């Protein structure tokens, strides 16, 4: 996936293909990378200077690769749908993106996580463009909270179901 206003590092696709191949080309493969941040013109920008330091915090979460699955339950450390890399078969098994306005990417990550552990690449291979019309800026806070609570509940129910079906 690539969101229309974002960019890929030139090594992004090659990096993920090599990682997929090194794991034996599994059908259950998904992951994401750290991100770099750019402005409207494509110039580097520090999110903290725009009162968006939480975006940089996501990279710190990816740096802690041993805890990515646990951190994902609290924060969308994948950052955006464009940062998800997933095999077609795994994507199709999830049923695709749900029509959430704010958390469709996080919901997808939860549904992928119920199938397999992600590969978190600690290299900034995804360029996230920060501008005035980013989705997170246009959705009322209450709507984002409601969507977040809904997908967390769905994820928790999915975990309970999985634990019941596969206790060990």
N, C-alpha and C. Protein backbone atom coordinates (compact mmCIF):
# COMPACT_ATOMS: atom_id res chain seq x y z
N UNK A 1 0.85 -1.17 0.00
CA UNK A 1 0.00 0.00 0.00
C UNK A 1 0.90 1.24 0.00
N UNK A 2 0.41 2.29 -0.59
CA UNK A 2 1.08 3.58 -0.51
C UNK A 2 0.01 4.65 -0.53
N UNK A 3 -0.07 5.42 0.53
CA UNK A 3 -1.02 6.52 0.55
C UNK A 3 -0.59 7.57 -0.45
N UNK A 4 -1.54 8.21 -1.08
CA UNK A 4 -1.27 9.10 -2.21
C UNK A 4 -0.36 10.27 -1.88
N UNK A 5 -0.30 10.67 -0.62
CA UNK A 5 0.53 11.83 -0.27
C UNK A 5 1.84 11.46 0.40
N UNK A 6 2.11 10.17 0.55
CA UNK A 6 3.33 9.71 1.22
C UNK A 6 4.33 9.16 0.20
N UNK A 7 5.50 8.75 0.68
CA UNK A 7 6.54 8.24 -0.21
C UNK A 7 7.22 7.02 0.41
N UNK A 8 7.80 6.21 -0.44
CA UNK A 8 8.62 5.07 -0.01
C UNK A 8 10.09 5.43 -0.15
N UNK A 9 10.91 4.97 0.78
CA UNK A 9 12.35 5.00 0.60
C UNK A 9 12.67 4.05 -0.55
N UNK A 10 13.71 4.35 -1.30
CA UNK A 10 14.05 3.52 -2.46
C UNK A 10 14.34 2.06 -2.09
N UNK A 11 14.77 1.79 -0.86
CA UNK A 11 15.09 0.43 -0.45
C UNK A 11 13.93 -0.32 0.19
N UNK A 12 12.77 0.30 0.31
CA UNK A 12 11.66 -0.30 1.06
C UNK A 12 11.21 -1.64 0.47
N UNK A 13 10.87 -1.66 -0.78
CA UNK A 13 10.35 -2.89 -1.39
C UNK A 13 11.40 -3.98 -1.37
N UNK A 14 12.61 -3.66 -1.76
CA UNK A 14 13.69 -4.65 -1.77
C UNK A 14 13.94 -5.21 -0.37
N UNK A 15 13.93 -4.35 0.63
CA UNK A 15 14.16 -4.79 2.01
C UNK A 15 13.11 -5.81 2.43
N UNK A 16 11.84 -5.50 2.19
CA UNK A 16 10.78 -6.42 2.61
C UNK A 16 10.77 -7.70 1.79
N UNK A 17 11.08 -7.61 0.50
CA UNK A 17 11.14 -8.83 -0.31
C UNK A 17 12.26 -9.74 0.19
N UNK A 18 13.42 -9.17 0.49
CA UNK A 18 14.53 -9.99 1.01
C UNK A 18 14.16 -10.63 2.35
N UNK A 19 13.50 -9.88 3.20
CA UNK A 19 13.08 -10.44 4.50
C UNK A 19 12.07 -11.57 4.31
N UNK A 20 11.13 -11.38 3.41
CA UNK A 20 10.12 -12.40 3.11
C UNK A 20 10.81 -13.65 2.56
N UNK A 21 11.73 -13.46 1.62
CA UNK A 21 12.47 -14.60 1.04
C UNK A 21 13.31 -15.31 2.10
N UNK A 22 13.94 -14.55 2.99
CA UNK A 22 14.81 -15.15 4.01
C UNK A 22 14.02 -15.99 5.00
N UNK A 23 12.71 -15.75 5.08
CA UNK A 23 11.85 -16.55 5.96
C UNK A 23 11.15 -17.68 5.22
N UNK A 24 11.56 -17.93 3.98
CA UNK A 24 10.99 -19.03 3.22
C UNK A 24 9.72 -18.69 2.47
N UNK A 25 9.49 -17.42 2.20
CA UNK A 25 8.32 -16.93 1.47
C UNK A 25 7.00 -17.41 2.08
N UNK A 26 6.79 -17.17 3.37
CA UNK A 26 5.56 -17.64 4.01
C UNK A 26 4.33 -16.87 3.50
N UNK A 27 3.20 -17.54 3.46
CA UNK A 27 1.97 -16.86 3.05
C UNK A 27 1.47 -15.93 4.16
N UNK A 28 1.85 -16.22 5.41
CA UNK A 28 1.48 -15.38 6.55
C UNK A 28 2.65 -14.45 6.88
N UNK A 29 2.83 -13.43 6.07
CA UNK A 29 3.92 -12.48 6.26
C UNK A 29 3.35 -11.08 6.23
N UNK A 30 3.70 -10.32 7.27
CA UNK A 30 3.33 -8.90 7.27
C UNK A 30 4.30 -8.13 8.14
N UNK A 31 4.37 -6.85 7.90
CA UNK A 31 5.27 -6.03 8.69
C UNK A 31 5.11 -4.56 8.36
N UNK A 32 6.01 -3.80 8.92
CA UNK A 32 6.03 -2.35 8.73
C UNK A 32 7.40 -1.87 9.14
N UNK A 33 7.69 -0.62 8.87
CA UNK A 33 9.01 -0.06 9.19
C UNK A 33 8.85 1.22 10.02
N UNK A 34 9.97 1.70 10.49
CA UNK A 34 10.00 3.05 11.04
C UNK A 34 9.69 4.01 9.90
N UNK A 35 9.41 5.25 10.26
CA UNK A 35 9.06 6.24 9.24
C UNK A 35 9.93 7.48 9.37
N UNK A 36 10.02 8.20 8.26
CA UNK A 36 10.59 9.54 8.29
C UNK A 36 9.45 10.48 7.93
N UNK A 37 9.57 11.72 8.33
CA UNK A 37 8.46 12.66 8.19
C UNK A 37 8.86 13.80 7.26
N UNK A 38 7.91 14.15 6.39
CA UNK A 38 8.15 15.21 5.41
C UNK A 38 6.99 16.20 5.44
N UNK A 39 7.25 17.41 4.93
CA UNK A 39 6.21 18.43 4.86
C UNK A 39 5.56 18.43 3.48
N UNK A 40 4.72 19.41 3.23
CA UNK A 40 4.01 19.49 1.94
C UNK A 40 4.93 19.45 0.73
N UNK A 41 6.13 20.04 0.89
CA UNK A 41 7.06 20.11 -0.24
C UNK A 41 7.98 18.90 -0.32
N UNK A 42 7.90 18.00 0.65
CA UNK A 42 8.75 16.82 0.66
C UNK A 42 10.04 17.01 1.44
N UNK A 43 10.15 18.11 2.15
CA UNK A 43 11.34 18.37 2.96
C UNK A 43 11.20 17.69 4.32
N UNK A 44 12.32 17.24 4.89
CA UNK A 44 12.25 16.61 6.21
C UNK A 44 11.67 17.55 7.26
N UNK A 45 10.89 16.99 8.18
CA UNK A 45 10.30 17.78 9.24
C UNK A 45 10.29 16.95 10.53
N UNK A 46 10.51 17.60 11.64
CA UNK A 46 10.45 16.95 12.94
C UNK A 46 9.04 17.13 13.48
N UNK A 47 8.29 16.04 13.67
CA UNK A 47 6.91 16.17 14.16
C UNK A 47 6.80 16.92 15.48
N UNK A 48 7.81 16.84 16.31
CA UNK A 48 7.76 17.52 17.61
C UNK A 48 7.65 19.03 17.46
N UNK A 49 8.24 19.57 16.39
CA UNK A 49 8.16 21.02 16.17
C UNK A 49 6.75 21.45 15.77
N UNK A 50 5.90 20.49 15.43
CA UNK A 50 4.52 20.77 15.04
C UNK A 50 3.53 20.29 16.10
N UNK A 51 4.04 20.05 17.31
CA UNK A 51 3.22 19.54 18.42
C UNK A 51 2.64 18.16 18.08
N UNK A 52 3.42 17.35 17.36
CA UNK A 52 3.00 16.00 16.97
C UNK A 52 4.07 14.99 17.39
N UNK A 53 4.64 15.17 18.57
CA UNK A 53 5.73 14.29 19.01
C UNK A 53 5.29 12.85 19.11
N UNK A 54 3.97 12.59 19.26
CA UNK A 54 3.51 11.21 19.32
C UNK A 54 3.85 10.43 18.05
N UNK A 55 3.97 11.12 16.93
CA UNK A 55 4.35 10.44 15.69
C UNK A 55 5.77 9.90 15.78
N UNK A 56 6.67 10.67 16.36
CA UNK A 56 8.04 10.19 16.58
C UNK A 56 8.06 9.05 17.59
N UNK A 57 7.14 9.09 18.55
CA UNK A 57 7.07 8.02 19.55
C UNK A 57 6.80 6.67 18.90
N UNK A 58 6.08 6.65 17.78
CA UNK A 58 5.82 5.39 17.10
C UNK A 58 7.13 4.75 16.63
N UNK A 59 8.05 5.57 16.15
CA UNK A 59 9.35 5.02 15.75
C UNK A 59 10.07 4.42 16.95
N UNK A 60 9.98 5.07 18.09
CA UNK A 60 10.60 4.52 19.30
C UNK A 60 10.01 3.17 19.64
N UNK A 61 8.72 3.00 19.40
CA UNK A 61 8.08 1.70 19.64
C UNK A 61 8.62 0.64 18.68
N UNK A 62 8.79 1.01 17.43
CA UNK A 62 9.33 0.06 16.45
C UNK A 62 10.75 -0.33 16.83
N UNK A 63 11.50 0.61 17.41
CA UNK A 63 12.86 0.31 17.86
C UNK A 63 12.87 -0.81 18.89
N UNK A 64 11.81 -0.94 19.66
CA UNK A 64 11.71 -1.97 20.69
C UNK A 64 11.07 -3.22 20.08
N UNK A 65 11.71 -3.80 19.12
CA UNK A 65 11.12 -4.86 18.31
C UNK A 65 10.61 -6.05 19.12
N UNK A 66 11.14 -6.28 20.29
CA UNK A 66 10.68 -7.42 21.09
C UNK A 66 9.29 -7.18 21.67
N UNK A 67 8.84 -5.93 21.69
CA UNK A 67 7.56 -5.60 22.32
C UNK A 67 6.53 -5.06 21.34
N UNK A 68 6.77 -5.19 20.07
CA UNK A 68 5.89 -4.58 19.08
C UNK A 68 4.45 -5.09 19.22
N UNK A 69 4.27 -6.37 19.40
CA UNK A 69 2.91 -6.91 19.50
C UNK A 69 2.18 -6.35 20.73
N UNK A 70 2.88 -6.24 21.84
CA UNK A 70 2.27 -5.70 23.03
C UNK A 70 1.97 -4.21 22.88
N UNK A 71 2.91 -3.48 22.29
CA UNK A 71 2.72 -2.04 22.10
C UNK A 71 1.58 -1.75 21.13
N UNK A 72 1.39 -2.63 20.16
CA UNK A 72 0.34 -2.44 19.17
C UNK A 72 -1.04 -2.41 19.81
N UNK A 73 -1.21 -3.11 20.91
CA UNK A 73 -2.51 -3.09 21.59
C UNK A 73 -2.82 -1.71 22.17
N UNK A 74 -1.80 -0.89 22.41
CA UNK A 74 -2.00 0.43 23.01
C UNK A 74 -1.90 1.58 22.01
N UNK A 75 -1.04 1.41 21.02
CA UNK A 75 -0.81 2.48 20.05
C UNK A 75 -0.67 1.89 18.66
N UNK A 76 -1.10 2.64 17.68
CA UNK A 76 -0.94 2.17 16.30
C UNK A 76 0.50 2.42 15.84
N UNK A 77 1.40 1.55 16.25
CA UNK A 77 2.81 1.73 15.93
C UNK A 77 3.10 1.51 14.45
N UNK A 78 2.12 1.00 13.70
CA UNK A 78 2.31 0.89 12.25
C UNK A 78 2.22 2.27 11.59
N UNK A 79 1.63 3.24 12.28
CA UNK A 79 1.51 4.64 11.89
C UNK A 79 0.41 4.91 10.88
N UNK A 80 0.38 4.15 9.78
CA UNK A 80 -0.55 4.44 8.70
C UNK A 80 -0.71 3.21 7.82
N UNK A 81 -1.82 3.15 7.10
CA UNK A 81 -2.06 1.99 6.24
C UNK A 81 -0.98 1.84 5.19
N UNK A 82 -0.42 2.93 4.72
CA UNK A 82 0.62 2.86 3.71
C UNK A 82 1.90 2.20 4.19
N UNK A 83 2.08 2.11 5.49
CA UNK A 83 3.28 1.49 6.04
C UNK A 83 3.14 -0.02 6.21
N UNK A 84 1.96 -0.56 5.98
CA UNK A 84 1.76 -2.00 6.10
C UNK A 84 2.26 -2.72 4.86
N UNK A 85 2.99 -3.79 5.09
CA UNK A 85 3.42 -4.69 4.02
C UNK A 85 2.84 -6.04 4.36
N UNK A 86 2.08 -6.62 3.46
CA UNK A 86 1.38 -7.87 3.76
C UNK A 86 1.24 -8.69 2.48
N UNK A 87 1.35 -10.02 2.61
CA UNK A 87 1.14 -10.86 1.44
C UNK A 87 -0.32 -10.76 1.01
N UNK A 88 -0.54 -10.95 -0.26
CA UNK A 88 -1.90 -10.87 -0.80
C UNK A 88 -2.82 -11.89 -0.14
N UNK A 89 -2.34 -13.11 0.04
CA UNK A 89 -3.21 -14.14 0.62
C UNK A 89 -3.60 -13.78 2.05
N UNK A 90 -2.69 -13.23 2.81
CA UNK A 90 -3.00 -12.84 4.18
C UNK A 90 -3.98 -11.66 4.20
N UNK A 91 -3.76 -10.70 3.32
CA UNK A 91 -4.66 -9.55 3.21
C UNK A 91 -6.07 -10.02 2.85
N UNK A 92 -6.16 -10.92 1.90
CA UNK A 92 -7.47 -11.41 1.47
C UNK A 92 -8.17 -12.17 2.60
N UNK A 93 -7.42 -12.92 3.41
CA UNK A 93 -8.03 -13.64 4.54
C UNK A 93 -8.61 -12.68 5.58
N UNK A 94 -8.06 -11.48 5.68
CA UNK A 94 -8.59 -10.51 6.65
C UNK A 94 -9.88 -9.88 6.15
N UNK A 95 -10.13 -9.96 4.86
CA UNK A 95 -11.31 -9.33 4.29
C UNK A 95 -11.09 -7.88 3.88
N UNK A 96 -9.85 -7.44 3.92
CA UNK A 96 -9.55 -6.07 3.50
C UNK A 96 -9.79 -5.06 4.61
N UNK A 97 -9.67 -3.80 4.24
CA UNK A 97 -9.84 -2.72 5.21
C UNK A 97 -11.31 -2.52 5.54
N UNK A 98 -11.57 -2.27 6.81
CA UNK A 98 -12.92 -1.92 7.26
C UNK A 98 -13.11 -0.42 7.04
N UNK A 99 -14.37 0.03 6.93
CA UNK A 99 -14.61 1.44 6.58
C UNK A 99 -14.52 2.43 7.74
N UNK A 100 -13.51 2.29 8.57
CA UNK A 100 -13.29 3.28 9.62
C UNK A 100 -12.64 4.51 9.01
N UNK A 101 -12.93 5.66 9.54
CA UNK A 101 -12.30 6.89 9.03
C UNK A 101 -10.91 7.07 9.58
N UNK A 102 -10.72 6.72 10.87
CA UNK A 102 -9.45 7.02 11.54
C UNK A 102 -8.59 5.79 11.77
N UNK A 103 -9.17 4.66 12.07
CA UNK A 103 -8.39 3.52 12.58
C UNK A 103 -8.42 2.30 11.66
N UNK A 104 -8.72 2.49 10.38
CA UNK A 104 -8.76 1.34 9.46
C UNK A 104 -7.42 0.62 9.40
N UNK A 105 -6.32 1.38 9.53
CA UNK A 105 -4.99 0.78 9.49
C UNK A 105 -4.71 -0.01 10.77
N UNK A 106 -5.07 0.54 11.90
CA UNK A 106 -4.86 -0.12 13.18
C UNK A 106 -5.73 -1.38 13.28
N UNK A 107 -6.96 -1.28 12.83
CA UNK A 107 -7.85 -2.43 12.78
C UNK A 107 -7.24 -3.54 11.92
N UNK A 108 -6.72 -3.17 10.76
CA UNK A 108 -6.08 -4.16 9.89
C UNK A 108 -4.89 -4.80 10.61
N UNK A 109 -4.08 -4.01 11.28
CA UNK A 109 -2.93 -4.55 12.00
C UNK A 109 -3.38 -5.54 13.08
N UNK A 110 -4.45 -5.21 13.79
CA UNK A 110 -4.99 -6.14 14.79
C UNK A 110 -5.41 -7.46 14.15
N UNK A 111 -6.12 -7.39 13.03
CA UNK A 111 -6.59 -8.61 12.38
C UNK A 111 -5.42 -9.42 11.81
N UNK A 112 -4.39 -8.75 11.33
CA UNK A 112 -3.19 -9.45 10.88
C UNK A 112 -2.47 -10.10 12.06
N UNK A 113 -2.42 -9.39 13.17
CA UNK A 113 -1.74 -9.89 14.37
C UNK A 113 -2.39 -11.16 14.90
N UNK A 114 -3.69 -11.31 14.70
CA UNK A 114 -4.37 -12.53 15.12
C UNK A 114 -3.94 -13.73 14.27
N UNK A 115 -3.33 -13.47 13.12
CA UNK A 115 -2.88 -14.54 12.23
C UNK A 115 -1.38 -14.83 12.35
N UNK A 116 -0.58 -13.79 12.56
CA UNK A 116 0.88 -13.97 12.59
C UNK A 116 1.54 -12.76 13.23
N UNK A 117 2.74 -12.95 13.71
CA UNK A 117 3.52 -11.85 14.29
C UNK A 117 4.08 -10.99 13.16
N UNK A 118 4.14 -9.68 13.38
CA UNK A 118 4.68 -8.79 12.35
C UNK A 118 6.20 -8.76 12.37
N UNK A 119 6.75 -8.33 11.27
CA UNK A 119 8.17 -8.04 11.19
C UNK A 119 8.31 -6.53 11.21
N UNK A 120 8.89 -6.01 12.26
CA UNK A 120 9.07 -4.56 12.40
C UNK A 120 10.50 -4.20 12.01
N UNK A 121 10.64 -3.43 10.97
CA UNK A 121 11.96 -3.05 10.45
C UNK A 121 12.35 -1.71 11.04
N UNK A 122 13.45 -1.72 11.76
CA UNK A 122 13.92 -0.51 12.44
C UNK A 122 14.79 0.31 11.48
N UNK A 123 14.19 0.68 10.37
CA UNK A 123 14.80 1.59 9.40
C UNK A 123 13.69 2.45 8.85
N UNK A 124 13.93 3.72 8.73
CA UNK A 124 12.91 4.64 8.23
C UNK A 124 12.75 4.45 6.72
N UNK A 125 11.83 3.57 6.36
CA UNK A 125 11.60 3.23 4.95
C UNK A 125 10.29 3.78 4.41
N UNK A 126 9.52 4.43 5.26
CA UNK A 126 8.25 4.99 4.85
C UNK A 126 8.25 6.49 5.15
N UNK A 127 7.91 7.30 4.16
CA UNK A 127 7.85 8.74 4.33
C UNK A 127 6.43 9.21 4.54
N UNK A 128 6.14 9.67 5.75
CA UNK A 128 4.81 10.14 6.11
C UNK A 128 4.75 11.65 5.96
N UNK A 129 3.85 12.11 5.09
CA UNK A 129 3.74 13.54 4.83
C UNK A 129 2.80 14.18 5.86
N UNK A 130 3.29 15.21 6.53
CA UNK A 130 2.48 15.95 7.50
C UNK A 130 2.00 17.23 6.85
N UNK A 131 0.68 17.39 6.82
CA UNK A 131 0.07 18.59 6.22
C UNK A 131 -1.25 18.89 6.92
N UNK A 132 -1.85 19.98 6.57
CA UNK A 132 -3.06 20.45 7.25
C UNK A 132 -4.27 19.56 7.09
N UNK A 133 -4.28 18.70 6.08
CA UNK A 133 -5.47 17.86 5.87
C UNK A 133 -5.21 16.39 6.16
N UNK A 134 -4.18 16.07 6.97
CA UNK A 134 -4.01 14.69 7.41
C UNK A 134 -5.30 14.22 8.07
N UNK A 135 -5.64 12.97 7.89
CA UNK A 135 -6.89 12.43 8.43
C UNK A 135 -7.02 12.69 9.91
N UNK A 136 -5.94 12.51 10.67
CA UNK A 136 -6.04 12.68 12.12
C UNK A 136 -6.40 14.11 12.52
N UNK A 137 -6.20 15.05 11.61
CA UNK A 137 -6.53 16.45 11.90
C UNK A 137 -7.98 16.79 11.56
N UNK A 138 -8.63 15.95 10.77
CA UNK A 138 -9.97 16.29 10.26
C UNK A 138 -11.10 15.53 10.94
N UNK A 139 -10.79 14.60 11.82
CA UNK A 139 -11.81 13.79 12.47
C UNK A 139 -12.01 14.27 13.90
N UNK A 140 -13.26 14.46 14.32
CA UNK A 140 -13.50 14.85 15.71
C UNK A 140 -12.90 13.84 16.69
N UNK A 141 -12.31 14.34 17.76
CA UNK A 141 -11.64 13.50 18.74
C UNK A 141 -12.56 12.39 19.26
N UNK A 142 -13.80 12.72 19.54
CA UNK A 142 -14.74 11.72 20.06
C UNK A 142 -14.95 10.57 19.08
N UNK A 143 -14.97 10.86 17.78
CA UNK A 143 -15.12 9.80 16.77
C UNK A 143 -13.90 8.88 16.77
N UNK A 144 -12.72 9.47 16.89
CA UNK A 144 -11.49 8.66 16.92
C UNK A 144 -11.46 7.78 18.16
N UNK A 145 -11.88 8.31 19.29
CA UNK A 145 -11.91 7.53 20.53
C UNK A 145 -12.90 6.37 20.39
N UNK A 146 -14.08 6.65 19.85
CA UNK A 146 -15.10 5.61 19.67
C UNK A 146 -14.59 4.49 18.76
N UNK A 147 -13.99 4.87 17.63
CA UNK A 147 -13.45 3.87 16.72
C UNK A 147 -12.34 3.06 17.39
N UNK A 148 -11.47 3.73 18.14
CA UNK A 148 -10.37 3.04 18.82
C UNK A 148 -10.90 2.03 19.83
N UNK A 149 -11.89 2.42 20.59
CA UNK A 149 -12.47 1.50 21.57
C UNK A 149 -13.12 0.31 20.88
N UNK A 150 -13.78 0.56 19.77
CA UNK A 150 -14.44 -0.52 19.03
C UNK A 150 -13.44 -1.55 18.51
N UNK A 151 -12.35 -1.09 17.91
CA UNK A 151 -11.41 -2.07 17.35
C UNK A 151 -10.62 -2.78 18.45
N UNK A 152 -10.36 -2.10 19.56
CA UNK A 152 -9.69 -2.77 20.68
C UNK A 152 -10.57 -3.89 21.22
N UNK A 153 -11.86 -3.63 21.33
CA UNK A 153 -12.80 -4.66 21.81
C UNK A 153 -12.83 -5.83 20.83
N UNK A 154 -12.88 -5.53 19.53
CA UNK A 154 -12.87 -6.61 18.52
C UNK A 154 -11.58 -7.42 18.62
N UNK A 155 -10.46 -6.75 18.83
CA UNK A 155 -9.18 -7.45 18.96
C UNK A 155 -9.17 -8.33 20.20
N UNK A 156 -9.63 -7.79 21.32
CA UNK A 156 -9.68 -8.59 22.55
C UNK A 156 -10.56 -9.82 22.38
N UNK A 157 -11.70 -9.65 21.73
CA UNK A 157 -12.58 -10.80 21.47
C UNK A 157 -11.91 -11.81 20.54
N UNK A 158 -11.18 -11.32 19.57
CA UNK A 158 -10.43 -12.21 18.67
C UNK A 158 -9.36 -12.99 19.41
N UNK A 159 -8.67 -12.32 20.34
CA UNK A 159 -7.66 -13.02 21.14
C UNK A 159 -8.29 -14.09 22.01
N UNK A 160 -9.41 -13.77 22.64
CA UNK A 160 -10.10 -14.76 23.48
C UNK A 160 -10.54 -15.97 22.66
N UNK A 161 -11.06 -15.71 21.48
CA UNK A 161 -11.49 -16.80 20.60
C UNK A 161 -10.29 -17.66 20.20
N UNK A 162 -9.20 -17.00 19.83
CA UNK A 162 -8.00 -17.73 19.42
C UNK A 162 -7.45 -18.57 20.58
N UNK A 163 -7.44 -18.01 21.78
CA UNK A 163 -6.95 -18.74 22.94
C UNK A 163 -7.84 -19.93 23.27
N UNK A 164 -9.12 -19.81 23.02
CA UNK A 164 -10.04 -20.93 23.26
C UNK A 164 -9.84 -22.03 22.24
N UNK A 165 -9.63 -21.63 20.98
CA UNK A 165 -9.45 -22.60 19.89
C UNK A 165 -8.06 -23.21 19.90
N UNK A 166 -7.06 -22.44 20.27
CA UNK A 166 -5.66 -22.89 20.28
C UNK A 166 -5.05 -22.53 21.64
N UNK A 167 -5.37 -23.32 22.69
CA UNK A 167 -4.92 -22.93 24.02
C UNK A 167 -3.41 -22.95 24.22
N UNK A 168 -2.68 -23.69 23.42
CA UNK A 168 -1.21 -23.74 23.58
C UNK A 168 -0.52 -23.63 22.27
